[in-house]
N, C-alpha and C. Protein backbone atom coordinates (compact mmCIF):
# COMPACT_ATOMS: atom_id res chain seq x y z
N UNK A 1 152.91 122.68 73.45
CA UNK A 1 151.53 122.39 73.70
C UNK A 1 151.32 120.96 74.21
N UNK A 2 152.11 119.96 73.80
CA UNK A 2 151.91 118.60 74.31
C UNK A 2 152.10 118.53 75.82
N UNK A 3 152.89 119.41 76.39
CA UNK A 3 153.09 119.38 77.84
C UNK A 3 151.82 119.77 78.61
N UNK A 4 150.87 120.44 77.98
CA UNK A 4 149.59 120.80 78.61
C UNK A 4 148.58 119.67 78.60
N UNK A 5 148.76 118.68 77.72
CA UNK A 5 147.79 117.61 77.55
C UNK A 5 147.51 116.84 78.86
N UNK A 6 148.51 116.44 79.66
CA UNK A 6 148.20 115.72 80.90
C UNK A 6 147.36 116.55 81.86
N UNK A 7 147.64 117.83 81.96
CA UNK A 7 146.88 118.70 82.84
C UNK A 7 145.43 118.83 82.35
N UNK A 8 145.26 118.96 81.07
CA UNK A 8 143.90 119.08 80.50
C UNK A 8 143.12 117.79 80.74
N UNK A 9 143.75 116.62 80.56
CA UNK A 9 143.08 115.35 80.79
C UNK A 9 142.71 115.19 82.27
N UNK A 10 143.58 115.58 83.16
CA UNK A 10 143.29 115.48 84.59
C UNK A 10 142.08 116.34 84.95
N UNK A 11 142.03 117.55 84.45
CA UNK A 11 140.90 118.44 84.72
C UNK A 11 139.63 117.87 84.13
N UNK A 12 139.70 117.36 82.90
CA UNK A 12 138.52 116.78 82.25
C UNK A 12 138.00 115.58 83.03
N UNK A 13 138.91 114.71 83.51
CA UNK A 13 138.49 113.54 84.29
C UNK A 13 137.79 113.96 85.57
N UNK A 14 138.30 114.95 86.24
CA UNK A 14 137.69 115.41 87.48
C UNK A 14 136.30 115.99 87.24
N UNK A 15 136.14 116.75 86.18
CA UNK A 15 134.85 117.35 85.87
C UNK A 15 133.83 116.30 85.49
N UNK A 16 134.27 115.26 84.79
CA UNK A 16 133.35 114.20 84.38
C UNK A 16 133.09 113.23 85.51
N UNK A 17 134.07 112.98 86.35
CA UNK A 17 133.92 111.99 87.41
C UNK A 17 132.99 112.47 88.51
N UNK A 18 133.02 113.73 88.86
CA UNK A 18 132.19 114.22 89.95
C UNK A 18 130.70 113.96 89.76
N UNK A 19 130.12 114.31 88.60
CA UNK A 19 128.69 113.99 88.43
C UNK A 19 128.40 112.49 88.46
N UNK A 20 129.33 111.68 87.93
CA UNK A 20 129.10 110.24 87.95
C UNK A 20 129.19 109.68 89.36
N UNK A 21 130.12 110.15 90.14
CA UNK A 21 130.22 109.72 91.54
C UNK A 21 129.00 110.15 92.31
N UNK A 22 128.56 111.38 92.10
CA UNK A 22 127.37 111.88 92.78
C UNK A 22 126.15 111.04 92.42
N UNK A 23 126.00 110.72 91.15
CA UNK A 23 124.88 109.90 90.73
C UNK A 23 124.94 108.50 91.35
N UNK A 24 126.11 107.91 91.37
CA UNK A 24 126.26 106.57 91.96
C UNK A 24 125.94 106.59 93.44
N UNK A 25 126.41 107.60 94.17
CA UNK A 25 126.11 107.69 95.60
C UNK A 25 124.63 107.91 95.84
N UNK A 26 124.02 108.75 95.04
CA UNK A 26 122.59 109.03 95.18
C UNK A 26 121.77 107.77 94.96
N UNK A 27 122.06 107.06 93.90
CA UNK A 27 121.32 105.84 93.60
C UNK A 27 121.61 104.75 94.62
N UNK A 28 122.84 104.71 95.09
CA UNK A 28 123.23 103.67 96.01
C UNK A 28 122.66 103.80 97.39
N UNK A 29 122.44 105.00 97.88
CA UNK A 29 121.98 105.16 99.26
C UNK A 29 120.56 105.69 99.38
N UNK A 30 119.99 106.20 98.35
CA UNK A 30 118.67 106.80 98.52
C UNK A 30 117.55 105.79 98.37
N UNK A 31 117.81 104.64 97.77
CA UNK A 31 116.75 103.65 97.63
C UNK A 31 117.33 102.25 97.72
N UNK A 32 117.62 101.79 98.94
CA UNK A 32 118.14 100.44 99.11
C UNK A 32 117.15 99.40 98.60
N UNK A 33 117.64 98.19 98.37
CA UNK A 33 116.79 97.12 97.82
C UNK A 33 115.58 96.85 98.71
N UNK A 34 115.75 96.91 100.02
CA UNK A 34 114.62 96.64 100.93
C UNK A 34 113.48 97.63 100.72
N UNK A 35 113.83 98.84 100.38
CA UNK A 35 112.82 99.86 100.15
C UNK A 35 112.17 99.64 98.79
N UNK A 36 112.97 99.38 97.79
CA UNK A 36 112.46 99.21 96.44
C UNK A 36 111.52 98.00 96.34
N UNK A 37 111.76 96.97 97.17
CA UNK A 37 110.97 95.75 97.11
C UNK A 37 109.66 95.83 97.89
N UNK A 38 109.45 96.89 98.65
CA UNK A 38 108.25 97.03 99.47
C UNK A 38 107.34 98.12 98.91
N UNK A 39 106.06 98.03 99.22
CA UNK A 39 105.11 99.04 98.72
C UNK A 39 105.07 100.27 99.62
N UNK A 40 106.20 100.89 99.88
CA UNK A 40 106.27 102.04 100.78
C UNK A 40 105.47 103.22 100.20
N UNK A 41 104.78 103.92 101.09
CA UNK A 41 103.96 105.07 100.72
C UNK A 41 104.48 106.29 101.47
N UNK A 42 104.74 107.35 100.74
CA UNK A 42 105.14 108.60 101.41
C UNK A 42 103.95 109.18 102.14
N UNK A 43 104.14 109.45 103.44
CA UNK A 43 103.03 109.95 104.25
C UNK A 43 103.26 111.35 104.79
N UNK A 44 104.51 111.82 104.77
CA UNK A 44 104.80 113.17 105.27
C UNK A 44 106.16 113.62 104.76
N UNK A 45 106.27 114.95 104.66
CA UNK A 45 107.51 115.57 104.20
C UNK A 45 107.69 116.86 105.00
N UNK A 46 108.89 117.09 105.51
CA UNK A 46 109.18 118.32 106.24
C UNK A 46 110.64 118.68 106.04
N UNK A 47 111.09 119.70 106.71
CA UNK A 47 112.50 120.10 106.60
C UNK A 47 113.42 119.03 107.20
N UNK A 48 112.85 118.13 108.00
CA UNK A 48 113.61 117.03 108.61
C UNK A 48 113.85 115.89 107.64
N UNK A 49 112.99 115.76 106.61
CA UNK A 49 113.11 114.67 105.66
C UNK A 49 111.76 114.18 105.21
N UNK A 50 111.71 112.90 104.83
CA UNK A 50 110.48 112.29 104.30
C UNK A 50 110.20 111.03 105.10
N UNK A 51 108.93 110.81 105.44
CA UNK A 51 108.50 109.62 106.20
C UNK A 51 107.69 108.71 105.27
N UNK A 52 108.02 107.43 105.29
CA UNK A 52 107.32 106.43 104.49
C UNK A 52 106.74 105.35 105.41
N UNK A 53 105.62 104.76 104.99
CA UNK A 53 104.99 103.68 105.74
C UNK A 53 104.76 102.50 104.80
N UNK A 54 104.92 101.29 105.33
CA UNK A 54 104.58 100.07 104.60
C UNK A 54 103.14 99.72 104.96
N UNK A 55 102.18 99.95 104.05
CA UNK A 55 100.77 99.72 104.36
C UNK A 55 100.48 98.28 104.78
N UNK A 56 101.24 97.31 104.26
CA UNK A 56 100.96 95.92 104.60
C UNK A 56 101.39 95.58 106.02
N UNK A 57 102.12 96.48 106.68
CA UNK A 57 102.59 96.22 108.04
C UNK A 57 101.63 96.75 109.11
N UNK A 58 100.60 97.49 108.72
CA UNK A 58 99.73 98.12 109.71
C UNK A 58 98.86 97.08 110.41
N UNK A 59 98.95 97.08 111.73
CA UNK A 59 98.20 96.13 112.56
C UNK A 59 97.45 96.90 113.66
N UNK A 60 96.24 96.49 113.93
CA UNK A 60 95.50 97.06 115.07
C UNK A 60 96.11 96.51 116.36
N UNK A 61 96.19 97.37 117.38
CA UNK A 61 96.66 96.96 118.70
C UNK A 61 95.62 97.43 119.71
N UNK A 62 95.70 96.96 120.95
CA UNK A 62 94.77 97.46 121.97
C UNK A 62 94.85 98.99 122.16
N UNK A 63 96.03 99.56 121.86
CA UNK A 63 96.22 101.00 122.04
C UNK A 63 95.96 101.82 120.79
N UNK A 64 95.88 101.19 119.61
CA UNK A 64 95.73 101.94 118.37
C UNK A 64 96.22 101.10 117.19
N UNK A 65 97.43 101.46 116.69
CA UNK A 65 98.02 100.72 115.58
C UNK A 65 99.52 100.59 115.76
N UNK A 66 100.08 99.59 115.08
CA UNK A 66 101.52 99.39 115.01
C UNK A 66 101.86 99.29 113.53
N UNK A 67 102.96 99.92 113.11
CA UNK A 67 103.34 99.89 111.71
C UNK A 67 104.84 100.02 111.54
N UNK A 68 105.29 99.64 110.33
CA UNK A 68 106.69 99.81 109.96
C UNK A 68 106.81 101.08 109.13
N UNK A 69 107.85 101.83 109.39
CA UNK A 69 108.07 103.06 108.63
C UNK A 69 109.57 103.27 108.47
N UNK A 70 109.92 104.19 107.61
CA UNK A 70 111.30 104.63 107.57
C UNK A 70 111.33 106.13 107.29
N UNK A 71 112.38 106.71 107.82
CA UNK A 71 112.61 108.15 107.68
C UNK A 71 113.84 108.33 106.78
N UNK A 72 113.67 109.07 105.70
CA UNK A 72 114.77 109.44 104.83
C UNK A 72 115.16 110.86 105.20
N UNK A 73 116.29 111.04 105.91
CA UNK A 73 116.67 112.37 106.36
C UNK A 73 116.86 113.34 105.19
N UNK A 74 116.56 114.59 105.45
CA UNK A 74 116.83 115.65 104.47
C UNK A 74 118.34 115.75 104.28
N UNK A 75 118.80 116.08 103.08
CA UNK A 75 120.24 116.20 102.84
C UNK A 75 120.94 117.14 103.83
N UNK A 76 120.23 118.14 104.31
CA UNK A 76 120.82 119.10 105.23
C UNK A 76 121.16 118.47 106.59
N UNK A 77 120.61 117.29 106.86
CA UNK A 77 120.87 116.62 108.14
C UNK A 77 122.22 115.90 108.14
N UNK A 78 122.84 115.76 106.97
CA UNK A 78 124.13 115.09 106.89
C UNK A 78 124.05 113.58 106.98
N UNK A 79 122.86 113.03 106.99
CA UNK A 79 122.66 111.59 107.00
C UNK A 79 122.13 111.19 105.64
N UNK A 80 122.53 110.02 105.17
CA UNK A 80 122.12 109.63 103.82
C UNK A 80 121.35 108.32 103.80
N UNK A 81 121.48 107.52 104.81
CA UNK A 81 120.76 106.24 104.83
C UNK A 81 119.45 106.42 105.62
N UNK A 82 118.42 105.74 105.17
CA UNK A 82 117.14 105.81 105.90
C UNK A 82 117.24 105.10 107.24
N UNK A 83 116.39 105.51 108.17
CA UNK A 83 116.31 104.89 109.48
C UNK A 83 114.95 104.19 109.55
N UNK A 84 114.97 102.88 109.85
CA UNK A 84 113.75 102.08 109.89
C UNK A 84 113.20 102.02 111.32
N UNK A 85 111.87 102.02 111.42
CA UNK A 85 111.18 102.00 112.70
C UNK A 85 110.02 101.01 112.66
N UNK A 86 109.69 100.47 113.85
CA UNK A 86 108.39 99.87 114.10
C UNK A 86 107.84 100.72 115.24
N UNK A 87 106.70 101.34 115.00
CA UNK A 87 106.15 102.30 115.94
C UNK A 87 104.70 101.99 116.25
N UNK A 88 104.31 102.21 117.49
CA UNK A 88 102.89 102.14 117.89
C UNK A 88 102.36 103.56 118.03
N UNK A 89 101.15 103.75 117.56
CA UNK A 89 100.46 105.04 117.69
C UNK A 89 99.15 104.79 118.41
N UNK A 90 98.78 105.69 119.34
CA UNK A 90 97.51 105.52 120.06
C UNK A 90 96.36 106.21 119.32
N UNK A 91 96.64 106.82 118.18
CA UNK A 91 95.64 107.50 117.34
C UNK A 91 95.02 108.71 118.02
N UNK A 92 95.66 109.17 119.08
CA UNK A 92 95.20 110.37 119.77
C UNK A 92 96.35 111.35 119.98
N UNK A 93 97.45 111.13 119.25
CA UNK A 93 98.56 112.07 119.32
C UNK A 93 99.77 111.59 120.10
N UNK A 94 99.82 110.27 120.41
CA UNK A 94 101.00 109.75 121.11
C UNK A 94 101.57 108.58 120.32
N UNK A 95 102.88 108.36 120.50
CA UNK A 95 103.56 107.25 119.83
C UNK A 95 104.66 106.70 120.74
N UNK A 96 105.09 105.49 120.41
CA UNK A 96 106.27 104.94 121.04
C UNK A 96 106.95 104.03 120.02
N UNK A 97 108.26 104.17 119.93
CA UNK A 97 109.05 103.33 119.02
C UNK A 97 109.28 101.99 119.69
N UNK A 98 108.93 100.93 118.98
CA UNK A 98 109.11 99.57 119.46
C UNK A 98 110.43 99.01 118.96
N UNK A 99 110.83 99.48 117.79
CA UNK A 99 112.08 99.03 117.17
C UNK A 99 112.65 100.21 116.37
N UNK A 100 113.95 100.43 116.52
CA UNK A 100 114.64 101.46 115.76
C UNK A 100 115.89 100.85 115.14
N UNK A 101 116.02 100.96 113.83
CA UNK A 101 117.17 100.41 113.11
C UNK A 101 117.41 98.95 113.48
N UNK A 102 116.33 98.18 113.50
CA UNK A 102 116.37 96.73 113.80
C UNK A 102 116.80 96.39 115.21
N UNK A 103 116.67 97.34 116.13
CA UNK A 103 116.97 97.09 117.54
C UNK A 103 115.70 97.33 118.36
N UNK A 104 115.39 96.38 119.21
CA UNK A 104 114.21 96.53 120.07
C UNK A 104 114.43 97.70 121.02
N UNK A 105 113.36 98.44 121.26
CA UNK A 105 113.39 99.59 122.15
C UNK A 105 112.32 99.44 123.23
N UNK A 106 112.55 100.00 124.37
CA UNK A 106 111.56 100.02 125.44
C UNK A 106 111.26 101.48 125.77
N UNK A 107 110.71 102.20 124.81
CA UNK A 107 110.48 103.62 124.99
C UNK A 107 109.08 103.88 125.50
N UNK A 108 108.96 104.90 126.32
CA UNK A 108 107.65 105.33 126.83
C UNK A 108 106.89 106.07 125.75
N UNK A 109 105.60 106.24 125.98
CA UNK A 109 104.76 107.01 125.06
C UNK A 109 105.23 108.46 125.06
N UNK A 110 105.26 109.06 123.87
CA UNK A 110 105.63 110.46 123.71
C UNK A 110 104.54 111.17 122.94
N UNK A 111 104.36 112.45 123.21
CA UNK A 111 103.41 113.24 122.45
C UNK A 111 104.02 113.62 121.10
N UNK A 112 103.22 113.53 120.06
CA UNK A 112 103.70 113.87 118.72
C UNK A 112 103.97 115.36 118.61
N UNK A 113 103.11 116.17 119.20
CA UNK A 113 103.31 117.61 119.17
C UNK A 113 103.39 118.13 117.74
N UNK A 114 104.49 118.83 117.42
CA UNK A 114 104.65 119.41 116.09
C UNK A 114 105.49 118.53 115.14
N UNK A 115 105.70 117.27 115.52
CA UNK A 115 106.47 116.36 114.69
C UNK A 115 105.62 115.92 113.48
N UNK A 116 105.80 116.63 112.36
CA UNK A 116 104.98 116.40 111.18
C UNK A 116 105.18 115.01 110.58
N UNK A 117 106.38 114.46 110.70
CA UNK A 117 106.65 113.14 110.13
C UNK A 117 105.91 112.05 110.90
N UNK A 118 106.00 112.07 112.22
CA UNK A 118 105.28 111.10 113.02
C UNK A 118 103.76 111.29 112.90
N UNK A 119 103.33 112.54 112.83
CA UNK A 119 101.89 112.80 112.68
C UNK A 119 101.38 112.22 111.35
N UNK A 120 102.15 112.36 110.29
CA UNK A 120 101.76 111.79 109.00
C UNK A 120 101.64 110.28 109.07
N UNK A 121 102.62 109.63 109.73
CA UNK A 121 102.57 108.17 109.86
C UNK A 121 101.38 107.75 110.72
N UNK A 122 101.13 108.47 111.82
CA UNK A 122 99.99 108.15 112.67
C UNK A 122 98.68 108.33 111.91
N UNK A 123 98.51 109.44 111.24
CA UNK A 123 97.27 109.69 110.50
C UNK A 123 97.05 108.61 109.45
N UNK A 124 98.09 108.24 108.74
CA UNK A 124 97.95 107.21 107.71
C UNK A 124 97.57 105.86 108.33
N UNK A 125 98.33 105.45 109.34
CA UNK A 125 98.07 104.15 109.96
C UNK A 125 96.72 104.07 110.64
N UNK A 126 96.35 105.12 111.38
CA UNK A 126 95.07 105.11 112.10
C UNK A 126 93.90 105.21 111.14
N UNK A 127 94.03 105.99 110.07
CA UNK A 127 92.95 106.06 109.07
C UNK A 127 92.82 104.71 108.37
N UNK A 128 93.93 104.04 108.14
CA UNK A 128 93.91 102.73 107.50
C UNK A 128 93.15 101.71 108.37
N UNK A 129 93.28 101.84 109.67
CA UNK A 129 92.61 100.92 110.60
C UNK A 129 91.26 101.44 111.07
N UNK A 130 90.90 102.67 110.67
CA UNK A 130 89.63 103.25 111.10
C UNK A 130 89.62 103.67 112.56
N UNK A 131 90.82 104.00 113.09
CA UNK A 131 90.88 104.36 114.50
C UNK A 131 91.39 105.77 114.73
N UNK A 132 91.39 106.61 113.70
CA UNK A 132 91.90 107.96 113.85
C UNK A 132 91.07 108.75 114.86
N UNK A 133 91.74 109.55 115.66
CA UNK A 133 91.13 110.40 116.70
C UNK A 133 90.40 109.58 117.77
N UNK A 134 90.94 108.43 118.08
CA UNK A 134 90.42 107.67 119.22
C UNK A 134 89.26 106.74 118.91
N UNK A 135 88.80 106.69 117.68
CA UNK A 135 87.71 105.76 117.35
C UNK A 135 88.27 104.36 117.40
N UNK A 136 87.70 103.52 118.22
CA UNK A 136 88.17 102.14 118.34
C UNK A 136 87.42 101.27 117.36
N UNK A 137 88.12 100.27 116.77
CA UNK A 137 87.49 99.41 115.77
C UNK A 137 86.38 98.56 116.37
């Protein structure tokens, strides 16, 4: 029977280690310090993931609003780290990313269409500024 002890210990370590590793990875990548330190508000959830906005970042622009947001991909996407954005919304259904993952972008305006995550961010930001549906401040 003593010859079975190493095998039993190995199996026990693997069974105990897996949940601990999973917990450490979940805590380590699902809420980085930058997110925890900001007043992020969940504004939309879909099969693609969850969209958050920093309310203190919302600024009125000549076209609508500009805000900081991040997208936490759904686990099914195979991505685990959030993607940060600075986006402008015209409050009439169009957006353009000004910054993606801390890199400046020169993207044209795009229609939101059925993008529930961008629509949630636009609705939140434009309502915050009182410019939803084209109402100018």
